[in-house]
Amino acid sequence: MDKEKTENEKKKEVLMSYQKEKRRVRRLEEQLEELRRNKMSPSVTNDGMPHGTDKKDLSDYAAKVDEIEQELVAARYSRICAFQEVQKRIEAMEDEREKDLLTYRYLEGLKWEEVAVRMKYSWRKIHYLHSDALEHFEICA
């Protein structure tokens, strides 16, 4: 039983890799947006003294934006690769219902209840079908 559980956990990890990459891209996009938003409204020192523009701050900002943008490009590529890999493995399965279930759950990111509604099955039946789908899902393609 332990071996089967660890095998299923590995399969779920492969299946969830696309959603994991999607979340990573979203975090980087939010980080970049926050950085840009903070730079658009710089802090003001109101001490009555004249201040010049701090070129060091601007170059640090540009370097950080560039760094995050490069990470974002790499993360988007990784997300596409994860999607294609998971989709290829799902499509290699024989049972169409199992393919639909795994696609809805792991590629579209639907909740179990939404999968059940979309497939017109009970929540319990979806979990039985998911168990069968995991059994038939191959992690070595």
N, C-alpha and C. Protein backbone atom coordinates (compact mmCIF):
# COMPACT_ATOMS: atom_id res chain seq x y z
N MET A 1 0.83 -1.21 0.00
CA MET A 1 0.00 0.00 0.00
C MET A 1 0.87 1.26 0.00
N ASP A 2 1.99 1.25 0.76
CA ASP A 2 2.86 2.41 0.80
C ASP A 2 3.45 2.73 -0.56
N LYS A 3 3.85 1.68 -1.29
CA LYS A 3 4.44 1.89 -2.61
C LYS A 3 3.41 2.52 -3.55
N GLU A 4 2.17 2.04 -3.47
CA GLU A 4 1.12 2.59 -4.33
C GLU A 4 0.86 4.05 -3.98
N LYS A 5 0.86 4.36 -2.71
CA LYS A 5 0.62 5.74 -2.29
C LYS A 5 1.74 6.65 -2.79
N THR A 6 2.96 6.24 -2.65
CA THR A 6 4.05 7.09 -3.11
C THR A 6 4.02 7.22 -4.64
N GLU A 7 3.62 6.17 -5.33
CA GLU A 7 3.49 6.24 -6.78
C GLU A 7 2.40 7.24 -7.16
N ASN A 8 1.26 7.20 -6.46
CA ASN A 8 0.18 8.15 -6.72
C ASN A 8 0.61 9.58 -6.39
N GLU A 9 1.38 9.74 -5.33
CA GLU A 9 1.87 11.07 -4.97
C GLU A 9 2.79 11.61 -6.07
N LYS A 10 3.62 10.76 -6.63
CA LYS A 10 4.50 11.18 -7.73
C LYS A 10 3.66 11.58 -8.94
N LYS A 11 2.62 10.82 -9.22
CA LYS A 11 1.75 11.13 -10.35
C LYS A 11 1.05 12.47 -10.14
N LYS A 12 0.56 12.70 -8.92
CA LYS A 12 -0.10 13.97 -8.62
C LYS A 12 0.89 15.14 -8.75
N GLU A 13 2.12 14.91 -8.33
CA GLU A 13 3.14 15.95 -8.43
C GLU A 13 3.38 16.33 -9.90
N VAL A 14 3.47 15.32 -10.76
CA VAL A 14 3.63 15.58 -12.20
C VAL A 14 2.41 16.33 -12.72
N LEU A 15 1.22 15.86 -12.36
CA LEU A 15 -0.01 16.49 -12.82
C LEU A 15 -0.14 17.93 -12.34
N MET A 16 0.32 18.20 -11.12
CA MET A 16 0.19 19.54 -10.54
C MET A 16 1.31 20.49 -10.99
N SER A 17 2.28 19.99 -11.73
CA SER A 17 3.42 20.83 -12.12
C SER A 17 3.00 22.06 -12.92
N TYR A 18 1.98 21.92 -13.77
CA TYR A 18 1.54 23.07 -14.56
C TYR A 18 0.93 24.15 -13.66
N GLN A 19 0.06 23.76 -12.74
CA GLN A 19 -0.55 24.75 -11.84
C GLN A 19 0.51 25.42 -10.97
N LYS A 20 1.53 24.66 -10.59
CA LYS A 20 2.64 25.21 -9.79
C LYS A 20 3.37 26.28 -10.60
N GLU A 21 3.64 26.01 -11.87
CA GLU A 21 4.32 26.98 -12.73
C GLU A 21 3.44 28.20 -12.99
N LYS A 22 2.12 27.99 -13.11
CA LYS A 22 1.20 29.11 -13.29
C LYS A 22 1.26 30.05 -12.09
N ARG A 23 1.28 29.47 -10.89
CA ARG A 23 1.35 30.29 -9.68
C ARG A 23 2.67 31.06 -9.61
N ARG A 24 3.76 30.43 -10.03
CA ARG A 24 5.07 31.08 -10.03
C ARG A 24 5.06 32.29 -10.97
N VAL A 25 4.50 32.13 -12.16
CA VAL A 25 4.40 33.24 -13.11
C VAL A 25 3.57 34.37 -12.51
N ARG A 26 2.45 34.02 -11.90
CA ARG A 26 1.57 35.03 -11.30
C ARG A 26 2.30 35.81 -10.20
N ARG A 27 3.07 35.11 -9.37
CA ARG A 27 3.82 35.79 -8.30
C ARG A 27 4.85 36.77 -8.88
N LEU A 28 5.56 36.34 -9.93
CA LEU A 28 6.55 37.22 -10.55
C LEU A 28 5.89 38.43 -11.20
N GLU A 29 4.75 38.23 -11.85
CA GLU A 29 4.01 39.35 -12.44
C GLU A 29 3.58 40.34 -11.36
N GLU A 30 3.10 39.83 -10.24
CA GLU A 30 2.68 40.69 -9.13
C GLU A 30 3.87 41.43 -8.53
N GLN A 31 5.00 40.74 -8.42
CA GLN A 31 6.21 41.36 -7.88
C GLN A 31 6.67 42.50 -8.79
N LEU A 32 6.65 42.27 -10.09
CA LEU A 32 7.05 43.29 -11.06
C LEU A 32 6.09 44.48 -11.01
N GLU A 33 4.80 44.20 -10.94
CA GLU A 33 3.80 45.26 -10.87
C GLU A 33 3.98 46.09 -9.59
N GLU A 34 4.23 45.43 -8.48
CA GLU A 34 4.44 46.13 -7.21
C GLU A 34 5.69 47.01 -7.28
N LEU A 35 6.75 46.49 -7.86
CA LEU A 35 7.98 47.26 -8.00
C LEU A 35 7.74 48.50 -8.86
N ARG A 36 7.03 48.34 -9.95
CA ARG A 36 6.73 49.48 -10.83
C ARG A 36 5.80 50.49 -10.15
N ARG A 37 4.83 49.98 -9.41
CA ARG A 37 3.89 50.86 -8.71
C ARG A 37 4.64 51.69 -7.66
N ASN A 38 5.56 51.06 -6.95
CA ASN A 38 6.32 51.79 -5.93
C ASN A 38 7.25 52.83 -6.54
N LYS A 39 7.77 52.56 -7.72
CA LYS A 39 8.67 53.52 -8.36
C LYS A 39 7.89 54.69 -8.94
N MET A 40 6.63 54.45 -9.33
CA MET A 40 5.80 55.52 -9.89
C MET A 40 5.46 56.56 -8.82
N SER A 41 5.41 56.14 -7.57
CA SER A 41 5.11 57.08 -6.50
C SER A 41 6.28 57.06 -5.51
N PRO A 42 7.38 57.71 -5.85
CA PRO A 42 8.55 57.68 -4.99
C PRO A 42 8.30 58.42 -3.68
N SER A 43 9.06 58.03 -2.67
CA SER A 43 8.92 58.70 -1.38
C SER A 43 9.55 60.09 -1.48
N VAL A 44 8.99 61.01 -0.75
CA VAL A 44 9.45 62.39 -0.78
C VAL A 44 10.02 62.74 0.58
N THR A 45 11.22 63.32 0.56
CA THR A 45 11.80 63.81 1.80
C THR A 45 11.47 65.29 1.89
N ASN A 46 10.67 65.64 2.86
CA ASN A 46 10.17 67.00 2.98
C ASN A 46 10.88 67.70 4.13
N ASP A 47 12.20 67.94 3.94
CA ASP A 47 12.96 68.58 5.01
C ASP A 47 13.38 70.01 4.64
N GLY A 48 12.86 70.52 3.52
CA GLY A 48 13.15 71.89 3.13
C GLY A 48 14.48 72.05 2.42
N MET A 49 15.26 71.00 2.33
CA MET A 49 16.57 71.08 1.69
C MET A 49 16.46 70.62 0.24
N PRO A 50 17.27 71.19 -0.65
CA PRO A 50 17.24 70.73 -2.05
C PRO A 50 17.86 69.34 -2.17
N HIS A 51 17.25 68.51 -3.01
CA HIS A 51 17.75 67.15 -3.23
C HIS A 51 17.86 66.91 -4.73
N GLY A 52 18.94 66.31 -5.15
CA GLY A 52 19.10 65.93 -6.55
C GLY A 52 18.50 64.55 -6.77
N THR A 53 18.38 64.18 -8.02
CA THR A 53 17.87 62.83 -8.30
C THR A 53 18.97 61.84 -7.98
N ASP A 54 18.58 60.78 -7.39
CA ASP A 54 19.54 59.75 -7.00
C ASP A 54 19.67 58.74 -8.13
N LYS A 55 20.73 58.86 -8.91
CA LYS A 55 20.92 57.97 -10.06
C LYS A 55 21.16 56.54 -9.63
N LYS A 56 21.73 56.36 -8.45
CA LYS A 56 21.97 55.01 -7.93
C LYS A 56 20.64 54.28 -7.74
N ASP A 57 19.65 54.98 -7.16
CA ASP A 57 18.33 54.38 -6.96
C ASP A 57 17.71 53.97 -8.29
N LEU A 58 17.84 54.83 -9.28
CA LEU A 58 17.25 54.56 -10.59
C LEU A 58 17.92 53.37 -11.26
N SER A 59 19.24 53.29 -11.16
CA SER A 59 19.94 52.15 -11.78
C SER A 59 19.64 50.86 -11.02
N ASP A 60 19.52 50.94 -9.71
CA ASP A 60 19.13 49.75 -8.93
C ASP A 60 17.74 49.28 -9.33
N TYR A 61 16.84 50.25 -9.49
CA TYR A 61 15.47 49.93 -9.91
C TYR A 61 15.47 49.26 -11.28
N ALA A 62 16.19 49.82 -12.23
CA ALA A 62 16.25 49.27 -13.59
C ALA A 62 16.85 47.86 -13.57
N ALA A 63 17.86 47.65 -12.77
CA ALA A 63 18.49 46.33 -12.67
C ALA A 63 17.52 45.31 -12.08
N LYS A 64 16.78 45.72 -11.06
CA LYS A 64 15.82 44.81 -10.42
C LYS A 64 14.68 44.48 -11.38
N VAL A 65 14.18 45.48 -12.10
CA VAL A 65 13.12 45.24 -13.09
C VAL A 65 13.61 44.27 -14.14
N ASP A 66 14.83 44.48 -14.63
CA ASP A 66 15.40 43.60 -15.65
C ASP A 66 15.54 42.18 -15.12
N GLU A 67 15.99 42.05 -13.89
CA GLU A 67 16.16 40.72 -13.27
C GLU A 67 14.82 39.98 -13.18
N ILE A 68 13.79 40.68 -12.72
CA ILE A 68 12.47 40.05 -12.58
C ILE A 68 11.89 39.72 -13.95
N GLU A 69 12.08 40.62 -14.92
CA GLU A 69 11.58 40.34 -16.27
C GLU A 69 12.23 39.10 -16.86
N GLN A 70 13.53 38.92 -16.63
CA GLN A 70 14.22 37.72 -17.12
C GLN A 70 13.69 36.46 -16.43
N GLU A 71 13.47 36.56 -15.12
CA GLU A 71 12.89 35.43 -14.38
C GLU A 71 11.50 35.11 -14.92
N LEU A 72 10.75 36.15 -15.24
CA LEU A 72 9.39 35.99 -15.75
C LEU A 72 9.38 35.29 -17.11
N VAL A 73 10.29 35.66 -17.98
CA VAL A 73 10.39 35.00 -19.29
C VAL A 73 10.71 33.52 -19.10
N ALA A 74 11.66 33.23 -18.21
CA ALA A 74 12.03 31.83 -17.94
C ALA A 74 10.86 31.07 -17.32
N ALA A 75 10.14 31.72 -16.42
CA ALA A 75 9.00 31.07 -15.76
C ALA A 75 7.87 30.80 -16.75
N ARG A 76 7.64 31.73 -17.66
CA ARG A 76 6.60 31.51 -18.68
C ARG A 76 6.97 30.35 -19.59
N TYR A 77 8.22 30.26 -19.96
CA TYR A 77 8.67 29.15 -20.80
C TYR A 77 8.50 27.83 -20.05
N SER A 78 8.86 27.83 -18.78
CA SER A 78 8.72 26.64 -17.95
C SER A 78 7.26 26.24 -17.81
N ARG A 79 6.38 27.24 -17.69
CA ARG A 79 4.94 26.98 -17.60
C ARG A 79 4.43 26.32 -18.88
N ILE A 80 4.85 26.82 -20.02
CA ILE A 80 4.44 26.24 -21.31
C ILE A 80 4.92 24.80 -21.42
N CYS A 81 6.17 24.56 -21.04
CA CYS A 81 6.73 23.20 -21.10
C CYS A 81 5.96 22.26 -20.18
N ALA A 82 5.63 22.73 -18.97
CA ALA A 82 4.88 21.90 -18.02
C ALA A 82 3.50 21.58 -18.58
N PHE A 83 2.84 22.57 -19.17
CA PHE A 83 1.52 22.35 -19.76
C PHE A 83 1.60 21.28 -20.84
N GLN A 84 2.55 21.43 -21.75
CA GLN A 84 2.68 20.49 -22.86
C GLN A 84 2.99 19.08 -22.37
N GLU A 85 3.83 18.97 -21.36
CA GLU A 85 4.20 17.66 -20.83
C GLU A 85 3.00 16.97 -20.18
N VAL A 86 2.28 17.70 -19.35
CA VAL A 86 1.10 17.12 -18.67
C VAL A 86 0.03 16.78 -19.70
N GLN A 87 -0.21 17.68 -20.64
CA GLN A 87 -1.22 17.43 -21.67
C GLN A 87 -0.87 16.19 -22.49
N LYS A 88 0.39 16.05 -22.85
CA LYS A 88 0.83 14.89 -23.65
C LYS A 88 0.59 13.59 -22.89
N ARG A 89 0.88 13.59 -21.61
CA ARG A 89 0.69 12.38 -20.80
C ARG A 89 -0.79 12.06 -20.60
N ILE A 90 -1.59 13.09 -20.44
CA ILE A 90 -3.04 12.87 -20.30
C ILE A 90 -3.60 12.32 -21.61
N GLU A 91 -3.22 12.91 -22.72
CA GLU A 91 -3.74 12.48 -24.02
C GLU A 91 -3.30 11.06 -24.38
N ALA A 92 -2.24 10.57 -23.77
CA ALA A 92 -1.78 9.21 -24.04
C ALA A 92 -2.66 8.15 -23.37
N MET A 93 -3.55 8.59 -22.48
CA MET A 93 -4.44 7.67 -21.78
C MET A 93 -5.55 7.21 -22.72
N GLU A 94 -6.17 6.08 -22.39
CA GLU A 94 -7.21 5.52 -23.27
C GLU A 94 -8.61 6.02 -22.95
N ASP A 95 -8.97 6.07 -21.68
CA ASP A 95 -10.34 6.41 -21.27
C ASP A 95 -10.59 7.92 -21.39
N GLU A 96 -11.59 8.28 -22.18
CA GLU A 96 -11.91 9.69 -22.42
C GLU A 96 -12.40 10.40 -21.16
N ARG A 97 -13.16 9.70 -20.33
CA ARG A 97 -13.65 10.32 -19.09
C ARG A 97 -12.48 10.66 -18.17
N GLU A 98 -11.52 9.75 -18.09
CA GLU A 98 -10.35 10.00 -17.25
C GLU A 98 -9.53 11.16 -17.80
N LYS A 99 -9.41 11.23 -19.12
CA LYS A 99 -8.70 12.36 -19.74
C LYS A 99 -9.39 13.68 -19.40
N ASP A 100 -10.73 13.69 -19.53
CA ASP A 100 -11.49 14.90 -19.22
C ASP A 100 -11.28 15.32 -17.77
N LEU A 101 -11.40 14.36 -16.87
CA LEU A 101 -11.26 14.66 -15.45
C LEU A 101 -9.88 15.25 -15.16
N LEU A 102 -8.83 14.61 -15.64
CA LEU A 102 -7.47 15.10 -15.36
C LEU A 102 -7.23 16.46 -16.02
N THR A 103 -7.80 16.66 -17.20
CA THR A 103 -7.66 17.96 -17.88
C THR A 103 -8.36 19.05 -17.08
N TYR A 104 -9.59 18.81 -16.67
CA TYR A 104 -10.34 19.81 -15.91
C TYR A 104 -9.63 20.14 -14.59
N ARG A 105 -9.18 19.10 -13.91
CA ARG A 105 -8.60 19.29 -12.59
C ARG A 105 -7.19 19.90 -12.64
N TYR A 106 -6.33 19.34 -13.48
CA TYR A 106 -4.92 19.71 -13.43
C TYR A 106 -4.47 20.72 -14.48
N LEU A 107 -5.14 20.80 -15.60
CA LEU A 107 -4.76 21.80 -16.59
C LEU A 107 -5.62 23.06 -16.48
N GLU A 108 -6.93 22.88 -16.30
CA GLU A 108 -7.81 24.04 -16.15
C GLU A 108 -7.88 24.53 -14.70
N GLY A 109 -7.45 23.70 -13.76
CA GLY A 109 -7.40 24.11 -12.36
C GLY A 109 -8.75 24.20 -11.68
N LEU A 110 -9.74 23.44 -12.16
CA LEU A 110 -11.07 23.48 -11.56
C LEU A 110 -11.08 22.77 -10.20
N LYS A 111 -11.97 23.21 -9.33
CA LYS A 111 -12.17 22.54 -8.04
C LYS A 111 -12.96 21.26 -8.29
N TRP A 112 -12.91 20.35 -7.31
CA TRP A 112 -13.61 19.06 -7.48
C TRP A 112 -15.09 19.25 -7.78
N GLU A 113 -15.71 20.20 -7.10
CA GLU A 113 -17.14 20.44 -7.30
C GLU A 113 -17.41 20.89 -8.74
N GLU A 114 -16.53 21.74 -9.26
CA GLU A 114 -16.69 22.23 -10.63
C GLU A 114 -16.48 21.11 -11.65
N VAL A 115 -15.54 20.23 -11.36
CA VAL A 115 -15.31 19.07 -12.23
C VAL A 115 -16.56 18.20 -12.26
N ALA A 116 -17.13 17.96 -11.08
CA ALA A 116 -18.34 17.13 -10.97
C ALA A 116 -19.49 17.73 -11.77
N VAL A 117 -19.69 19.03 -11.66
CA VAL A 117 -20.76 19.70 -12.40
C VAL A 117 -20.50 19.61 -13.90
N ARG A 118 -19.29 19.90 -14.31
CA ARG A 118 -18.96 19.88 -15.73
C ARG A 118 -19.14 18.49 -16.33
N MET A 119 -18.79 17.46 -15.56
CA MET A 119 -18.88 16.09 -16.09
C MET A 119 -20.23 15.44 -15.79
N LYS A 120 -21.07 16.13 -15.02
CA LYS A 120 -22.40 15.63 -14.65
C LYS A 120 -22.32 14.33 -13.86
N TYR A 121 -21.40 14.30 -12.90
CA TYR A 121 -21.26 13.18 -11.98
C TYR A 121 -21.34 13.72 -10.56
N SER A 122 -21.57 12.80 -9.62
CA SER A 122 -21.55 13.21 -8.21
C SER A 122 -20.10 13.44 -7.79
N TRP A 123 -19.94 14.15 -6.70
CA TRP A 123 -18.61 14.43 -6.15
C TRP A 123 -17.91 13.11 -5.84
N ARG A 124 -18.65 12.17 -5.26
CA ARG A 124 -18.09 10.87 -4.90
C ARG A 124 -17.63 10.10 -6.15
N LYS A 125 -18.46 10.11 -7.19
CA LYS A 125 -18.11 9.41 -8.44
C LYS A 125 -16.85 10.00 -9.07
N ILE A 126 -16.70 11.32 -8.98
CA ILE A 126 -15.51 11.99 -9.51
C ILE A 126 -14.26 11.48 -8.81
N HIS A 127 -14.35 11.28 -7.50
CA HIS A 127 -13.18 10.79 -6.76
C HIS A 127 -12.86 9.34 -7.10
N TYR A 128 -13.87 8.53 -7.32
CA TYR A 128 -13.62 7.15 -7.77
C TYR A 128 -12.96 7.17 -9.15
N LEU A 129 -13.48 7.99 -10.02
CA LEU A 129 -12.93 8.11 -11.37
C LEU A 129 -11.49 8.65 -11.32
N HIS A 130 -11.24 9.58 -10.41
CA HIS A 130 -9.90 10.14 -10.25
C HIS A 130 -8.92 9.06 -9.81
N SER A 131 -9.36 8.23 -8.90
CA SER A 131 -8.52 7.12 -8.44
C SER A 131 -8.15 6.20 -9.60
N ASP A 132 -9.14 5.88 -10.43
CA ASP A 132 -8.88 5.05 -11.61
C ASP A 132 -7.94 5.76 -12.59
N ALA A 133 -8.17 7.05 -12.77
CA ALA A 133 -7.35 7.83 -13.70
C ALA A 133 -5.90 7.85 -13.24
N LEU A 134 -5.68 8.01 -11.93
CA LEU A 134 -4.31 7.99 -11.41
C LEU A 134 -3.65 6.64 -11.66
N GLU A 135 -4.43 5.59 -11.51
CA GLU A 135 -3.91 4.25 -11.75
C GLU A 135 -3.45 4.09 -13.20
N HIS A 136 -4.18 4.69 -14.13
CA HIS A 136 -3.88 4.54 -15.55
C HIS A 136 -2.91 5.60 -16.08
N PHE A 137 -2.65 6.64 -15.29
CA PHE A 137 -1.75 7.72 -15.71
C PHE A 137 -0.31 7.25 -15.61
N GLU A 138 0.43 7.45 -16.69
CA GLU A 138 1.84 7.04 -16.72
C GLU A 138 2.74 8.25 -16.52
N ILE A 139 3.66 8.14 -15.55
CA ILE A 139 4.59 9.26 -15.36
C ILE A 139 5.84 9.10 -16.21
N CYS A 140 6.06 7.93 -16.75
CA CYS A 140 7.19 7.71 -17.67
C CYS A 140 6.64 7.68 -19.08
N ALA A 141 6.88 8.77 -19.81
CA ALA A 141 6.35 8.83 -21.18
C ALA A 141 7.42 8.52 -22.20
